[in-house]
Amino acid sequence: MPCVSADGKPTESGRKIIAALKAGNTSAEDISTGSGMPLYRVRSGLREMVEAGLVAENDGSHTLTEQGLAAV
């Protein structure tokens, strides 16, 4: 199940990742715990969201972009 729909908006799982990021979780492991999603799903979702411009990644730490904040 993708985290970003064809129109570039977050899906339900994408919104869970965004909520975990907004709560201060930045690593894939912490996002997994905060969102209740399996780690493999969070990792693939983060890759999708980085490609879509919703999330930025720097040395394993993830943050929401302005576009990501506006998407929720």
C-alpha atoms as a PDB file:
ATOM      1  CA  MET A   1       0.000   0.000   0.000  1.00  0.00           C
ATOM      2  CA  PRO A   2       1.570   3.297  -1.060  1.00  0.00           C
ATOM      3  CA  CYS A   3       2.051   6.226   1.302  1.00  0.00           C
ATOM      4  CA  VAL A   4       1.575   8.786  -1.461  1.00  0.00           C
ATOM      5  CA  SER A   5      -1.369   8.653  -3.864  1.00  0.00           C
ATOM      6  CA  ALA A   6      -1.114   9.307  -7.598  1.00  0.00           C
ATOM      7  CA  ASP A   7      -2.158  12.921  -7.039  1.00  0.00           C
ATOM      8  CA  GLY A   8       0.741  13.475  -4.598  1.00  0.00           C
ATOM      9  CA  LYS A   9      -1.300  13.464  -1.399  1.00  0.00           C
ATOM     10  CA  PRO A  10      -0.528  11.232   1.573  1.00  0.00           C
ATOM     11  CA  THR A  11      -2.620   8.095   1.960  1.00  0.00           C
ATOM     12  CA  GLU A  12      -3.763   6.783   5.344  1.00  0.00           C
ATOM     13  CA  SER A  13      -0.360   5.203   6.002  1.00  0.00           C
ATOM     14  CA  GLY A  14       1.360   8.380   4.834  1.00  0.00           C
ATOM     15  CA  ARG A  15      -0.715  10.398   7.286  1.00  0.00           C
ATOM     16  CA  LYS A  16       0.362   8.036  10.095  1.00  0.00           C
ATOM     17  CA  ILE A  17       4.009   8.669   9.218  1.00  0.00           C
ATOM     18  CA  ILE A  18       3.384  12.423   9.096  1.00  0.00           C
ATOM     19  CA  ALA A  19       1.687  12.306  12.515  1.00  0.00           C
ATOM     20  CA  ALA A  20       4.679  10.428  13.961  1.00  0.00           C
ATOM     21  CA  LEU A  21       7.046  13.006  12.441  1.00  0.00           C
ATOM     22  CA  LYS A  22       4.979  15.850  13.882  1.00  0.00           C
ATOM     23  CA  ALA A  23       5.211  14.154  17.287  1.00  0.00           C
ATOM     24  CA  GLY A  24       9.002  14.465  17.112  1.00  0.00           C
ATOM     25  CA  ASN A  25       9.989  11.025  15.844  1.00  0.00           C
ATOM     26  CA  THR A  26      12.763  11.348  13.260  1.00  0.00           C
ATOM     27  CA  SER A  27      14.331   7.910  12.790  1.00  0.00           C
ATOM     28  CA  ALA A  28      12.580   5.141  10.884  1.00  0.00           C
ATOM     29  CA  GLU A  29      12.590   3.023  14.041  1.00  0.00           C
ATOM     30  CA  ASP A  30      10.972   5.755  16.147  1.00  0.00           C
ATOM     31  CA  ILE A  31       8.448   6.519  13.401  1.00  0.00           C
ATOM     32  CA  SER A  32       7.574   2.821  13.291  1.00  0.00           C
ATOM     33  CA  THR A  33       6.942   2.794  17.026  1.00  0.00           C
ATOM     34  CA  GLY A  34       5.062   6.101  16.954  1.00  0.00           C
ATOM     35  CA  SER A  35       2.861   5.149  14.028  1.00  0.00           C
ATOM     36  CA  GLY A  36       2.271   1.502  14.934  1.00  0.00           C
ATOM     37  CA  MET A  37       3.413   0.498  11.441  1.00  0.00           C
ATOM     38  CA  PRO A  38       5.998  -2.203  10.672  1.00  0.00           C
ATOM     39  CA  LEU A  39       9.525  -0.902  10.164  1.00  0.00           C
ATOM     40  CA  TYR A  40       9.775  -2.233   6.587  1.00  0.00           C
ATOM     41  CA  ARG A  41       6.606  -0.305   5.680  1.00  0.00           C
ATOM     42  CA  VAL A  42       7.857   2.892   7.309  1.00  0.00           C
ATOM     43  CA  ARG A  43      11.162   2.678   5.447  1.00  0.00           C
ATOM     44  CA  SER A  44       9.502   2.227   2.064  1.00  0.00           C
ATOM     45  CA  GLY A  45       6.950   4.918   2.893  1.00  0.00           C
ATOM     46  CA  LEU A  46       9.669   7.368   3.840  1.00  0.00           C
ATOM     47  CA  ARG A  47      11.420   6.743   0.515  1.00  0.00           C
ATOM     48  CA  GLU A  48       8.152   7.477  -1.320  1.00  0.00           C
ATOM     49  CA  MET A  49       7.547  10.593   0.722  1.00  0.00           C
ATOM     50  CA  VAL A  50      11.077  11.901   0.150  1.00  0.00           C
ATOM     51  CA  GLU A  51      10.632  11.400  -3.607  1.00  0.00           C
ATOM     52  CA  ALA A  52       7.297  13.245  -3.443  1.00  0.00           C
ATOM     53  CA  GLY A  53       8.873  16.157  -1.557  1.00  0.00           C
ATOM     54  CA  LEU A  54       6.817  15.655   1.603  1.00  0.00           C
ATOM     55  CA  VAL A  55       9.733  14.567   3.800  1.00  0.00           C
ATOM     56  CA  ALA A  56      13.431  15.470   3.875  1.00  0.00           C
ATOM     57  CA  GLU A  57      16.124  13.001   4.971  1.00  0.00           C
ATOM     58  CA  ASN A  58      19.555  13.843   6.345  1.00  0.00           C
ATOM     59  CA  ASP A  59      21.831  11.105   7.727  1.00  0.00           C
ATOM     60  CA  GLY A  60      18.906   8.900   8.753  1.00  0.00           C
ATOM     61  CA  SER A  61      16.938  11.723  10.351  1.00  0.00           C
ATOM     62  CA  HIS A  62      13.633  12.679   8.748  1.00  0.00           C
ATOM     63  CA  THR A  63      11.707  15.942   8.886  1.00  0.00           C
ATOM     64  CA  LEU A  64       8.590  17.242   7.227  1.00  0.00           C
ATOM     65  CA  THR A  65       9.030  19.740   4.438  1.00  0.00           C
ATOM     66  CA  GLU A  66       6.741  22.740   4.042  1.00  0.00           C
ATOM     67  CA  GLN A  67       4.899  20.717   1.401  1.00  0.00           C
ATOM     68  CA  GLY A  68       4.531  17.850   3.881  1.00  0.00           C
ATOM     69  CA  LEU A  69       3.189  20.144   6.580  1.00  0.00           C
ATOM     70  CA  ALA A  70       0.682  21.630   4.136  1.00  0.00           C
ATOM     71  CA  ALA A  71      -0.485  18.160   3.081  1.00  0.00           C
ATOM     72  CA  VAL A  72      -2.177  17.468   6.410  1.00  0.00           C
END
